[in-house]
PDB file of N, CA and C in Angstrom:
ATOM      1  N   MET A   1     -68.725 -55.547 -57.547  1.00  0.00           N
ATOM      2  CA  MET A   1     -68.478 -53.836 -56.912  1.00  0.00           C
ATOM      3  C   MET A   1     -67.225 -53.371 -56.580  1.00  0.00           C
ATOM      4  N   ASN A   2     -66.664 -52.387 -57.384  1.00  0.00           N
ATOM      5  CA  ASN A   2     -65.241 -52.413 -57.358  1.00  0.00           C
ATOM      6  C   ASN A   2     -65.378 -51.077 -56.267  1.00  0.00           C
ATOM      7  N   ALA A   3     -63.249 -51.629 -55.503  1.00  0.00           N
ATOM      8  CA  ALA A   3     -63.292 -51.311 -54.214  1.00  0.00           C
ATOM      9  C   ALA A   3     -62.899 -50.002 -54.856  1.00  0.00           C
ATOM     10  N   PRO A   4     -62.926 -48.646 -53.949  1.00  0.00           N
ATOM     11  CA  PRO A   4     -62.166 -47.667 -53.936  1.00  0.00           C
ATOM     12  C   PRO A   4     -61.091 -46.965 -54.448  1.00  0.00           C
ATOM     13  N   VAL A   5     -60.377 -46.449 -55.265  1.00  0.00           N
ATOM     14  CA  VAL A   5     -59.376 -46.627 -55.746  1.00  0.00           C
ATOM     15  C   VAL A   5     -58.640 -45.145 -54.818  1.00  0.00           C
ATOM     16  N   THR A   6     -57.320 -45.565 -54.621  1.00  0.00           N
ATOM     17  CA  THR A   6     -56.720 -44.377 -53.068  1.00  0.00           C
ATOM     18  C   THR A   6     -55.432 -44.413 -54.113  1.00  0.00           C
ATOM     19  N   ALA A   7     -54.772 -43.459 -53.785  1.00  0.00           N
ATOM     20  CA  ALA A   7     -53.706 -43.238 -53.967  1.00  0.00           C
ATOM     21  C   ALA A   7     -52.562 -42.770 -53.187  1.00  0.00           C
ATOM     22  N   GLN A   8     -51.748 -43.474 -53.304  1.00  0.00           N
ATOM     23  CA  GLN A   8     -50.225 -43.141 -52.018  1.00  0.00           C
ATOM     24  C   GLN A   8     -49.732 -42.263 -52.291  1.00  0.00           C
ATOM     25  N   HIS A   9     -48.903 -41.298 -52.015  1.00  0.00           N
ATOM     26  CA  HIS A   9     -48.574 -40.241 -52.203  1.00  0.00           C
ATOM     27  C   HIS A   9     -47.335 -40.563 -51.322  1.00  0.00           C
ATOM     28  N   TRP A  10     -45.756 -39.970 -51.744  1.00  0.00           N
ATOM     29  CA  TRP A  10     -44.470 -40.200 -51.160  1.00  0.00           C
ATOM     30  C   TRP A  10     -44.135 -38.999 -49.759  1.00  0.00           C
ATOM     31  N   PHE A  11     -44.139 -39.073 -48.657  1.00  0.00           N
ATOM     32  CA  PHE A  11     -43.493 -37.628 -48.821  1.00  0.00           C
ATOM     33  C   PHE A  11     -42.325 -37.578 -47.451  1.00  0.00           C
ATOM     34  N   PRO A  12     -41.037 -36.653 -48.083  1.00  0.00           N
ATOM     35  CA  PRO A  12     -40.084 -36.502 -47.685  1.00  0.00           C
ATOM     36  C   PRO A  12     -39.173 -36.350 -45.942  1.00  0.00           C
ATOM     37  N   LEU A  13     -38.789 -36.845 -46.013  1.00  0.00           N
ATOM     38  CA  LEU A  13     -39.146 -37.081 -43.806  1.00  0.00           C
ATOM     39  C   LEU A  13     -38.195 -36.458 -43.349  1.00  0.00           C
ATOM     40  N   CYS A  14     -36.776 -36.902 -43.975  1.00  0.00           N
ATOM     41  CA  CYS A  14     -35.514 -36.702 -43.788  1.00  0.00           C
ATOM     42  C   CYS A  14     -34.630 -37.428 -44.298  1.00  0.00           C
ATOM     43  N   GLN A  15     -32.737 -37.401 -43.723  1.00  0.00           N
ATOM     44  CA  GLN A  15     -32.368 -38.160 -44.450  1.00  0.00           C
ATOM     45  C   GLN A  15     -32.101 -39.957 -43.478  1.00  0.00           C
ATOM     46  N   VAL A  16     -31.514 -40.598 -44.490  1.00  0.00           N
ATOM     47  CA  VAL A  16     -31.351 -41.844 -43.500  1.00  0.00           C
ATOM     48  C   VAL A  16     -30.309 -41.780 -42.234  1.00  0.00           C
ATOM     49  N   ASP A  17     -29.212 -40.052 -42.351  1.00  0.00           N
ATOM     50  CA  ASP A  17     -28.390 -39.974 -41.148  1.00  0.00           C
ATOM     51  C   ASP A  17     -29.213 -39.365 -39.860  1.00  0.00           C
ATOM     52  N   ASP A  18     -30.409 -39.055 -40.443  1.00  0.00           N
ATOM     53  CA  ASP A  18     -30.921 -37.830 -39.337  1.00  0.00           C
ATOM     54  C   ASP A  18     -31.682 -38.734 -38.098  1.00  0.00           C
ATOM     55  N   ILE A  19     -32.101 -40.096 -38.396  1.00  0.00           N
ATOM     56  CA  ILE A  19     -32.499 -40.830 -37.674  1.00  0.00           C
ATOM     57  C   ILE A  19     -31.523 -41.710 -36.826  1.00  0.00           C
ATOM     58  N   PRO A  20     -31.543 -42.178 -35.578  1.00  0.00           N
ATOM     59  CA  PRO A  20     -29.982 -42.594 -34.871  1.00  0.00           C
ATOM     60  C   PRO A  20     -30.456 -44.206 -35.551  1.00  0.00           C
ATOM     61  N   ARG A  21     -28.962 -44.867 -36.055  1.00  0.00           N
ATOM     62  CA  ARG A  21     -28.973 -45.810 -35.788  1.00  0.00           C
ATOM     63  C   ARG A  21     -29.666 -47.091 -34.461  1.00  0.00           C
ATOM     64  N   LEU A  22     -30.653 -47.884 -35.056  1.00  0.00           N
ATOM     65  CA  LEU A  22     -30.887 -48.272 -33.798  1.00  0.00           C
ATOM     66  C   LEU A  22     -31.626 -47.560 -32.713  1.00  0.00           C
ATOM     67  N   GLY A  23     -32.354 -46.977 -33.711  1.00  0.00           N
ATOM     68  CA  GLY A  23     -33.149 -46.102 -32.605  1.00  0.00           C
ATOM     69  C   GLY A  23     -34.452 -45.603 -33.558  1.00  0.00           C
ATOM     70  N   SER A  24     -35.158 -44.391 -33.132  1.00  0.00           N
ATOM     71  CA  SER A  24     -35.954 -43.650 -34.275  1.00  0.00           C
ATOM     72  C   SER A  24     -36.556 -42.570 -34.144  1.00  0.00           C
ATOM     73  N   ARG A  25     -37.165 -42.106 -34.786  1.00  0.00           N
ATOM     74  CA  ARG A  25     -37.586 -40.815 -35.151  1.00  0.00           C
ATOM     75  C   ARG A  25     -39.193 -40.883 -34.921  1.00  0.00           C
ATOM     76  N   VAL A  26     -39.931 -39.874 -34.286  1.00  0.00           N
ATOM     77  CA  VAL A  26     -41.603 -39.925 -34.635  1.00  0.00           C
ATOM     78  C   VAL A  26     -41.643 -38.611 -35.986  1.00  0.00           C
ATOM     79  N   VAL A  27     -43.048 -38.605 -36.405  1.00  0.00           N
ATOM     80  CA  VAL A  27     -43.855 -37.891 -37.178  1.00  0.00           C
ATOM     81  C   VAL A  27     -45.085 -37.821 -36.520  1.00  0.00           C
ATOM     82  N   GLU A  28     -44.958 -36.984 -36.037  1.00  0.00           N
ATOM     83  CA  GLU A  28     -46.713 -36.046 -35.640  1.00  0.00           C
ATOM     84  C   GLU A  28     -47.422 -36.131 -35.971  1.00  0.00           C
ATOM     85  N   ARG A  29     -48.532 -36.349 -36.056  1.00  0.00           N
ATOM     86  CA  ARG A  29     -49.675 -36.207 -37.081  1.00  0.00           C
ATOM     87  C   ARG A  29     -50.768 -36.598 -36.591  1.00  0.00           C
ATOM     88  N   GLU A  30     -52.069 -36.148 -36.775  1.00  0.00           N
ATOM     89  CA  GLU A  30     -53.574 -36.181 -35.629  1.00  0.00           C
ATOM     90  C   GLU A  30     -54.007 -37.839 -35.667  1.00  0.00           C
ATOM     91  N   ALA A  31     -53.852 -38.398 -36.661  1.00  0.00           N
ATOM     92  CA  ALA A  31     -53.995 -39.611 -36.340  1.00  0.00           C
ATOM     93  C   ALA A  31     -53.440 -40.169 -35.840  1.00  0.00           C
ATOM     94  N   GLY A  32     -52.378 -40.011 -35.103  1.00  0.00           N
ATOM     95  CA  GLY A  32     -51.826 -41.328 -34.795  1.00  0.00           C
ATOM     96  C   GLY A  32     -49.774 -40.993 -34.916  1.00  0.00           C
ATOM     97  N   ASN A  33     -49.006 -40.745 -34.320  1.00  0.00           N
ATOM     98  CA  ASN A  33     -47.736 -40.721 -34.648  1.00  0.00           C
ATOM     99  C   ASN A  33     -46.931 -41.825 -35.042  1.00  0.00           C
ATOM    100  N   ILE A  34     -46.160 -41.694 -36.101  1.00  0.00           N
ATOM    101  CA  ILE A  34     -45.898 -42.345 -36.792  1.00  0.00           C
ATOM    102  C   ILE A  34     -44.444 -42.422 -35.912  1.00  0.00           C
ATOM    103  N   ALA A  35     -43.741 -43.866 -35.973  1.00  0.00           N
ATOM    104  CA  ALA A  35     -42.385 -44.569 -35.552  1.00  0.00           C
ATOM    105  C   ALA A  35     -41.568 -44.447 -36.305  1.00  0.00           C
ATOM    106  N   VAL A  36     -40.582 -44.153 -37.509  1.00  0.00           N
ATOM    107  CA  VAL A  36     -39.392 -44.605 -38.001  1.00  0.00           C
ATOM    108  C   VAL A  36     -38.112 -44.982 -37.306  1.00  0.00           C
ATOM    109  N   PHE A  37     -37.859 -46.431 -37.684  1.00  0.00           N
ATOM    110  CA  PHE A  37     -36.923 -47.100 -37.171  1.00  0.00           C
ATOM    111  C   PHE A  37     -36.315 -46.716 -38.314  1.00  0.00           C
ATOM    112  N   ARG A  38     -34.910 -47.082 -37.729  1.00  0.00           N
ATOM    113  CA  ARG A  38     -33.275 -47.313 -38.721  1.00  0.00           C
ATOM    114  C   ARG A  38     -32.851 -48.740 -37.683  1.00  0.00           C
ATOM    115  N   THR A  39     -32.462 -49.748 -38.690  1.00  0.00           N
ATOM    116  CA  THR A  39     -31.930 -50.884 -38.437  1.00  0.00           C
ATOM    117  C   THR A  39     -30.478 -50.521 -38.282  1.00  0.00           C
ATOM    118  N   ALA A  40     -29.261 -51.626 -37.725  1.00  0.00           N
ATOM    119  CA  ALA A  40     -28.297 -51.422 -37.848  1.00  0.00           C
ATOM    120  C   ALA A  40     -26.980 -51.638 -39.277  1.00  0.00           C
ATOM    121  N   THR A  41     -28.544 -52.694 -39.756  1.00  0.00           N
ATOM    122  CA  THR A  41     -27.661 -52.408 -41.290  1.00  0.00           C
ATOM    123  C   THR A  41     -28.853 -50.839 -42.355  1.00  0.00           C
ATOM    124  N   ASP A  42     -28.805 -49.902 -41.250  1.00  0.00           N
ATOM    125  CA  ASP A  42     -29.670 -49.090 -41.955  1.00  0.00           C
ATOM    126  C   ASP A  42     -30.799 -49.230 -43.123  1.00  0.00           C
ATOM    127  N   THR A  43     -31.466 -50.282 -42.430  1.00  0.00           N
ATOM    128  CA  THR A  43     -33.142 -50.722 -43.065  1.00  0.00           C
ATOM    129  C   THR A  43     -33.528 -49.195 -42.818  1.00  0.00           C
ATOM    130  N   VAL A  44     -35.204 -48.907 -43.114  1.00  0.00           N
ATOM    131  CA  VAL A  44     -35.617 -48.241 -42.255  1.00  0.00           C
ATOM    132  C   VAL A  44     -37.598 -48.519 -42.523  1.00  0.00           C
ATOM    133  N   PHE A  45     -37.691 -48.466 -41.048  1.00  0.00           N
ATOM    134  CA  PHE A  45     -39.474 -49.058 -41.502  1.00  0.00           C
ATOM    135  C   PHE A  45     -39.902 -47.861 -40.469  1.00  0.00           C
ATOM    136  N   ALA A  46     -40.943 -48.276 -40.663  1.00  0.00           N
ATOM    137  CA  ALA A  46     -41.907 -47.396 -39.927  1.00  0.00           C
ATOM    138  C   ALA A  46     -43.875 -48.203 -39.492  1.00  0.00           C
ATOM    139  N   LEU A  47     -43.991 -48.010 -38.096  1.00  0.00           N
ATOM    140  CA  LEU A  47     -45.045 -48.572 -37.618  1.00  0.00           C
ATOM    141  C   LEU A  47     -45.764 -47.366 -36.920  1.00  0.00           C
ATOM    142  N   LEU A  48     -46.811 -47.593 -36.635  1.00  0.00           N
ATOM    143  CA  LEU A  48     -47.697 -46.595 -35.891  1.00  0.00           C
ATOM    144  C   LEU A  48     -46.742 -46.626 -34.529  1.00  0.00           C
ATOM    145  N   ASP A  49     -47.203 -45.886 -33.849  1.00  0.00           N
ATOM    146  CA  ASP A  49     -46.197 -45.748 -32.336  1.00  0.00           C
ATOM    147  C   ASP A  49     -47.401 -46.003 -31.099  1.00  0.00           C
ATOM    148  N   ARG A  50     -48.322 -46.718 -31.375  1.00  0.00           N
ATOM    149  CA  ARG A  50     -48.558 -48.179 -30.163  1.00  0.00           C
ATOM    150  C   ARG A  50     -48.512 -49.512 -30.405  1.00  0.00           C
ATOM    151  N   CYS A  51     -47.642 -49.709 -29.276  1.00  0.00           N
ATOM    152  CA  CYS A  51     -47.804 -51.198 -28.936  1.00  0.00           C
ATOM    153  C   CYS A  51     -49.008 -51.471 -29.491  1.00  0.00           C
ATOM    154  N   PRO A  52     -49.277 -52.983 -29.520  1.00  0.00           N
ATOM    155  CA  PRO A  52     -50.803 -53.427 -29.746  1.00  0.00           C
ATOM    156  C   PRO A  52     -50.942 -53.865 -28.394  1.00  0.00           C
ATOM    157  N   HIS A  53     -50.239 -53.812 -27.221  1.00  0.00           N
ATOM    158  CA  HIS A  53     -50.549 -54.636 -25.832  1.00  0.00           C
ATOM    159  C   HIS A  53     -51.292 -53.284 -25.402  1.00  0.00           C
ATOM    160  N   LYS A  54     -50.465 -52.416 -24.406  1.00  0.00           N
ATOM    161  CA  LYS A  54     -51.268 -50.971 -23.895  1.00  0.00           C
ATOM    162  C   LYS A  54     -51.136 -50.003 -24.283  1.00  0.00           C
ATOM    163  N   ALA A  55     -50.686 -49.630 -26.144  1.00  0.00           N
ATOM    164  CA  ALA A  55     -50.280 -48.436 -27.001  1.00  0.00           C
ATOM    165  C   ALA A  55     -48.970 -47.856 -25.986  1.00  0.00           C
ATOM    166  N   GLY A  56     -48.101 -48.868 -25.935  1.00  0.00           N
ATOM    167  CA  GLY A  56     -47.071 -48.255 -25.250  1.00  0.00           C
ATOM    168  C   GLY A  56     -46.246 -47.367 -26.659  1.00  0.00           C
ATOM    169  N   PRO A  57     -45.466 -46.106 -26.091  1.00  0.00           N
ATOM    170  CA  PRO A  57     -44.787 -45.466 -27.120  1.00  0.00           C
ATOM    171  C   PRO A  57     -43.700 -45.949 -28.049  1.00  0.00           C
ATOM    172  N   LEU A  58     -44.072 -47.176 -29.376  1.00  0.00           N
ATOM    173  CA  LEU A  58     -42.944 -47.848 -30.238  1.00  0.00           C
ATOM    174  C   LEU A  58     -41.880 -46.640 -29.900  1.00  0.00           C
ATOM    175  N   SER A  59     -42.001 -45.927 -30.877  1.00  0.00           N
ATOM    176  CA  SER A  59     -40.685 -45.229 -30.331  1.00  0.00           C
ATOM    177  C   SER A  59     -39.553 -45.281 -29.501  1.00  0.00           C
ATOM    178  N   GLN A  60     -39.653 -45.429 -28.679  1.00  0.00           N
ATOM    179  CA  GLN A  60     -38.891 -45.316 -27.296  1.00  0.00           C
ATOM    180  C   GLN A  60     -38.532 -46.198 -26.737  1.00  0.00           C
ATOM    181  N   GLY A  61     -38.731 -47.510 -27.848  1.00  0.00           N
ATOM    182  CA  GLY A  61     -38.230 -48.995 -27.245  1.00  0.00           C
ATOM    183  C   GLY A  61     -36.760 -49.142 -27.966  1.00  0.00           C
ATOM    184  N   ILE A  62     -36.589 -50.179 -28.073  1.00  0.00           N
ATOM    185  CA  ILE A  62     -34.948 -50.801 -27.791  1.00  0.00           C
ATOM    186  C   ILE A  62     -34.808 -51.491 -29.437  1.00  0.00           C
ATOM    187  N   VAL A  63     -34.078 -51.092 -30.397  1.00  0.00           N
ATOM    188  CA  VAL A  63     -33.953 -51.593 -31.856  1.00  0.00           C
ATOM    189  C   VAL A  63     -32.642 -52.697 -31.761  1.00  0.00           C
ATOM    190  N   HIS A  64     -33.622 -53.782 -32.272  1.00  0.00           N
ATOM    191  CA  HIS A  64     -32.456 -54.683 -32.589  1.00  0.00           C
ATOM    192  C   HIS A  64     -32.834 -55.832 -33.402  1.00  0.00           C
ATOM    193  N   GLY A  65     -32.109 -55.933 -34.375  1.00  0.00           N
ATOM    194  CA  GLY A  65     -32.260 -56.900 -35.342  1.00  0.00           C
ATOM    195  C   GLY A  65     -33.167 -55.658 -36.552  1.00  0.00           C
ATOM    196  N   GLU A  66     -34.509 -56.635 -36.814  1.00  0.00           N
ATOM    197  CA  GLU A  66     -35.370 -56.156 -37.417  1.00  0.00           C
ATOM    198  C   GLU A  66     -37.004 -55.880 -36.685  1.00  0.00           C
ATOM    199  N   THR A  67     -36.252 -55.722 -35.246  1.00  0.00           N
ATOM    200  CA  THR A  67     -37.294 -55.783 -34.099  1.00  0.00           C
ATOM    201  C   THR A  67     -37.284 -55.059 -33.515  1.00  0.00           C
ATOM    202  N   VAL A  68     -38.527 -53.792 -33.001  1.00  0.00           N
ATOM    203  CA  VAL A  68     -38.383 -53.256 -32.059  1.00  0.00           C
ATOM    204  C   VAL A  68     -39.041 -53.981 -30.167  1.00  0.00           C
ATOM    205  N   THR A  69     -38.250 -53.454 -29.225  1.00  0.00           N
ATOM    206  CA  THR A  69     -39.109 -54.268 -28.309  1.00  0.00           C
ATOM    207  C   THR A  69     -40.020 -52.450 -27.737  1.00  0.00           C
ATOM    208  N   CYS A  70     -41.268 -52.867 -26.734  1.00  0.00           N
ATOM    209  CA  CYS A  70     -41.950 -52.051 -26.542  1.00  0.00           C
ATOM    210  C   CYS A  70     -41.327 -51.479 -24.988  1.00  0.00           C
ATOM    211  N   PRO A  71     -40.891 -50.053 -24.894  1.00  0.00           N
ATOM    212  CA  PRO A  71     -40.785 -49.799 -23.558  1.00  0.00           C
ATOM    213  C   PRO A  71     -41.340 -50.207 -22.227  1.00  0.00           C
ATOM    214  N   LEU A  72     -42.596 -50.288 -22.023  1.00  0.00           N
ATOM    215  CA  LEU A  72     -43.426 -51.081 -21.144  1.00  0.00           C
ATOM    216  C   LEU A  72     -43.976 -51.889 -20.838  1.00  0.00           C
ATOM    217  N   HIS A  73     -43.683 -53.273 -21.564  1.00  0.00           N
ATOM    218  CA  HIS A  73     -44.098 -54.811 -20.745  1.00  0.00           C
ATOM    219  C   HIS A  73     -42.833 -55.377 -22.067  1.00  0.00           C
ATOM    220  N   SER A  74     -42.602 -55.050 -22.670  1.00  0.00           N
ATOM    221  CA  SER A  74     -40.941 -56.038 -23.671  1.00  0.00           C
ATOM    222  C   SER A  74     -41.719 -56.519 -24.494  1.00  0.00           C
ATOM    223  N   TRP A  75     -43.011 -56.259 -25.249  1.00  0.00           N
ATOM    224  CA  TRP A  75     -43.326 -57.036 -26.171  1.00  0.00           C
ATOM    225  C   TRP A  75     -42.467 -56.308 -27.341  1.00  0.00           C
ATOM    226  N   ASN A  76     -42.084 -57.646 -28.203  1.00  0.00           N
ATOM    227  CA  ASN A  76     -41.459 -57.334 -29.310  1.00  0.00           C
ATOM    228  C   ASN A  76     -42.002 -57.484 -30.930  1.00  0.00           C
ATOM    229  N   ILE A  77     -41.601 -56.588 -31.136  1.00  0.00           N
ATOM    230  CA  ILE A  77     -42.862 -56.643 -32.556  1.00  0.00           C
ATOM    231  C   ILE A  77     -41.443 -56.646 -34.054  1.00  0.00           C
ATOM    232  N   ASP A  78     -42.239 -56.681 -34.572  1.00  0.00           N
ATOM    233  CA  ASP A  78     -41.459 -57.024 -35.687  1.00  0.00           C
ATOM    234  C   ASP A  78     -41.329 -55.849 -36.683  1.00  0.00           C
ATOM    235  N   LEU A  79     -40.916 -54.899 -37.086  1.00  0.00           N
ATOM    236  CA  LEU A  79     -40.777 -54.254 -37.604  1.00  0.00           C
ATOM    237  C   LEU A  79     -41.188 -54.794 -39.212  1.00  0.00           C
ATOM    238  N   THR A  80     -40.872 -55.885 -39.571  1.00  0.00           N
ATOM    239  CA  THR A  80     -41.200 -55.854 -40.970  1.00  0.00           C
ATOM    240  C   THR A  80     -42.531 -56.324 -41.334  1.00  0.00           C
ATOM    241  N   SER A  81     -43.394 -56.427 -40.091  1.00  0.00           N
ATOM    242  CA  SER A  81     -44.990 -56.601 -40.874  1.00  0.00           C
ATOM    243  C   SER A  81     -45.641 -56.059 -39.417  1.00  0.00           C
ATOM    244  N   GLY A  82     -45.523 -55.733 -38.021  1.00  0.00           N
ATOM    245  CA  GLY A  82     -45.436 -54.514 -37.317  1.00  0.00           C
ATOM    246  C   GLY A  82     -46.396 -56.024 -36.295  1.00  0.00           C
ATOM    247  N   GLU A  83     -46.021 -57.169 -36.399  1.00  0.00           N
ATOM    248  CA  GLU A  83     -46.329 -58.413 -35.928  1.00  0.00           C
ATOM    249  C   GLU A  83     -45.604 -58.284 -34.697  1.00  0.00           C
ATOM    250  N   ALA A  84     -47.029 -59.098 -33.118  1.00  0.00           N
ATOM    251  CA  ALA A  84     -45.809 -59.358 -32.208  1.00  0.00           C
ATOM    252  C   ALA A  84     -45.464 -60.791 -32.190  1.00  0.00           C
ATOM    253  N   LYS A  85     -44.532 -60.949 -31.610  1.00  0.00           N
ATOM    254  CA  LYS A  85     -43.603 -62.081 -32.494  1.00  0.00           C
ATOM    255  C   LYS A  85     -44.269 -63.225 -30.549  1.00  0.00           C
ATOM    256  N   ALA A  86     -44.321 -64.123 -31.112  1.00  0.00           N
ATOM    257  CA  ALA A  86     -44.760 -65.265 -29.841  1.00  0.00           C
ATOM    258  C   ALA A  86     -44.219 -65.016 -28.394  1.00  0.00           C
ATOM    259  N   PRO A  87     -44.807 -65.376 -27.625  1.00  0.00           N
ATOM    260  CA  PRO A  87     -46.376 -65.459 -27.299  1.00  0.00           C
ATOM    261  C   PRO A  87     -47.188 -64.903 -27.663  1.00  0.00           C
ATOM    262  N   ASP A  88     -46.569 -62.928 -27.825  1.00  0.00           N
ATOM    263  CA  ASP A  88     -47.571 -62.347 -27.571  1.00  0.00           C
ATOM    264  C   ASP A  88     -48.261 -62.337 -28.577  1.00  0.00           C
ATOM    265  N   VAL A  89     -49.686 -61.363 -29.303  1.00  0.00           N
ATOM    266  CA  VAL A  89     -50.610 -61.695 -30.080  1.00  0.00           C
ATOM    267  C   VAL A  89     -51.018 -60.377 -30.100  1.00  0.00           C
ATOM    268  N   GLY A  90     -51.152 -59.716 -31.729  1.00  0.00           N
ATOM    269  CA  GLY A  90     -51.315 -58.658 -32.086  1.00  0.00           C
ATOM    270  C   GLY A  90     -50.353 -57.626 -33.262  1.00  0.00           C
ATOM    271  N   CYS A  91     -51.211 -56.790 -33.162  1.00  0.00           N
ATOM    272  CA  CYS A  91     -50.291 -55.862 -34.721  1.00  0.00           C
ATOM    273  C   CYS A  91     -50.098 -55.066 -34.548  1.00  0.00           C
ATOM    274  N   ALA A  92     -48.996 -53.789 -34.690  1.00  0.00           N
ATOM    275  CA  ALA A  92     -48.738 -52.418 -35.189  1.00  0.00           C
ATOM    276  C   ALA A  92     -49.089 -51.994 -36.294  1.00  0.00           C
ATOM    277  N   ARG A  93     -49.865 -51.275 -36.838  1.00  0.00           N
ATOM    278  CA  ARG A  93     -50.547 -50.980 -38.192  1.00  0.00           C
ATOM    279  C   ARG A  93     -48.314 -50.487 -38.530  1.00  0.00           C
ATOM    280  N   ARG A  94     -48.182 -50.630 -40.090  1.00  0.00           N
ATOM    281  CA  ARG A  94     -46.910 -50.461 -40.395  1.00  0.00           C
ATOM    282  C   ARG A  94     -47.444 -49.653 -42.072  1.00  0.00           C
ATOM    283  N   PHE A  95     -46.473 -48.412 -41.908  1.00  0.00           N
ATOM    284  CA  PHE A  95     -46.808 -48.508 -43.324  1.00  0.00           C
ATOM    285  C   PHE A  95     -45.590 -48.070 -43.716  1.00  0.00           C
ATOM    286  N   PRO A  96     -45.692 -47.754 -45.736  1.00  0.00           N
ATOM    287  CA  PRO A  96     -44.485 -47.599 -46.381  1.00  0.00           C
ATOM    288  C   PRO A  96     -43.417 -46.508 -46.470  1.00  0.00           C
ATOM    289  N   VAL A  97     -42.463 -47.636 -46.303  1.00  0.00           N
ATOM    290  CA  VAL A  97     -41.551 -46.052 -46.462  1.00  0.00           C
ATOM    291  C   VAL A  97     -40.344 -46.709 -47.416  1.00  0.00           C
ATOM    292  N   LYS A  98     -39.659 -46.223 -48.071  1.00  0.00           N
ATOM    293  CA  LYS A  98     -38.710 -45.834 -49.560  1.00  0.00           C
ATOM    294  C   LYS A  98     -37.406 -44.905 -48.903  1.00  0.00           C
ATOM    295  N   VAL A  99     -36.512 -45.105 -49.072  1.00  0.00           N
ATOM    296  CA  VAL A  99     -35.010 -44.361 -49.592  1.00  0.00           C
ATOM    297  C   VAL A  99     -34.680 -43.806 -50.617  1.00  0.00           C
ATOM    298  N   GLU A 100     -34.482 -43.364 -51.066  1.00  0.00           N
ATOM    299  CA  GLU A 100     -33.303 -42.746 -52.311  1.00  0.00           C
ATOM    300  C   GLU A 100     -32.797 -41.686 -52.047  1.00  0.00           C
ATOM    301  N   GLY A 101     -31.968 -42.082 -52.385  1.00  0.00           N
ATOM    302  CA  GLY A 101     -30.493 -41.343 -52.581  1.00  0.00           C
ATOM    303  C   GLY A 101     -30.042 -40.479 -51.107  1.00  0.00           C
ATOM    304  N   GLY A 102     -30.278 -41.463 -49.999  1.00  0.00           N
ATOM    305  CA  GLY A 102     -30.331 -41.542 -48.328  1.00  0.00           C
ATOM    306  C   GLY A 102     -31.317 -40.178 -48.229  1.00  0.00           C
ATOM    307  N   ALA A 103     -32.222 -40.159 -49.162  1.00  0.00           N
ATOM    308  CA  ALA A 103     -33.776 -39.505 -48.163  1.00  0.00           C
ATOM    309  C   ALA A 103     -34.602 -40.565 -47.907  1.00  0.00           C
ATOM    310  N   VAL A 104     -35.264 -40.393 -46.839  1.00  0.00           N
ATOM    311  CA  VAL A 104     -36.547 -41.225 -46.576  1.00  0.00           C
ATOM    312  C   VAL A 104     -37.521 -40.501 -46.637  1.00  0.00           C
ATOM    313  N   PHE A 105     -38.458 -41.261 -47.592  1.00  0.00           N
ATOM    314  CA  PHE A 105     -39.845 -40.811 -47.896  1.00  0.00           C
ATOM    315  C   PHE A 105     -40.942 -41.954 -46.988  1.00  0.00           C
ATOM    316  N   LEU A 106     -41.687 -41.728 -46.463  1.00  0.00           N
ATOM    317  CA  LEU A 106     -43.298 -42.169 -46.424  1.00  0.00           C
ATOM    318  C   LEU A 106     -44.355 -41.614 -46.874  1.00  0.00           C
ATOM    319  N   GLY A 107     -44.919 -43.450 -47.430  1.00  0.00           N
ATOM    320  CA  GLY A 107     -46.039 -43.264 -48.291  1.00  0.00           C
ATOM    321  C   GLY A 107     -47.298 -43.522 -47.785  1.00  0.00           C
ATOM    322  N   LEU A 108     -48.133 -42.217 -47.640  1.00  0.00           N
ATOM    323  CA  LEU A 108     -49.508 -42.427 -47.503  1.00  0.00           C
ATOM    324  C   LEU A 108     -50.658 -42.467 -48.329  1.00  0.00           C
ATOM    325  N   VAL A 109     -51.905 -43.095 -47.791  1.00  0.00           N
ATOM    326  CA  VAL A 109     -52.868 -43.055 -48.829  1.00  0.00           C
ATOM    327  C   VAL A 109     -53.687 -41.997 -48.486  1.00  0.00           C
ATOM    328  N   ASP A 110     -54.474 -41.802 -49.606  1.00  0.00           N
ATOM    329  CA  ASP A 110     -55.704 -40.660 -49.617  1.00  0.00           C
ATOM    330  C   ASP A 110     -56.687 -41.304 -48.801  1.00  0.00           C
TER     331      ASP A 110
END
């Protein structure tokens, strides 16, 4: 049996410079807010704005390297995968992002 085909659509969010370096910006949506992060090297990542531990707002955490530290209980979440770093276990949903000409686009599927 074939898996259903889903289409990914790229939605323009903002310019990279609109996201604070070592900070984030929140995309509000009914299915759960998305936190869009910018590292010191201007790499952009997007995760569901909920820590896998106690649903803390990752967008309010501290970004260091390619990690965000949850503001509630200091869990460290890898921005590249959404995985909690050991010894903690859990995962925040990751969303695809791309930067073209300084503009940030978020990839969402139907």
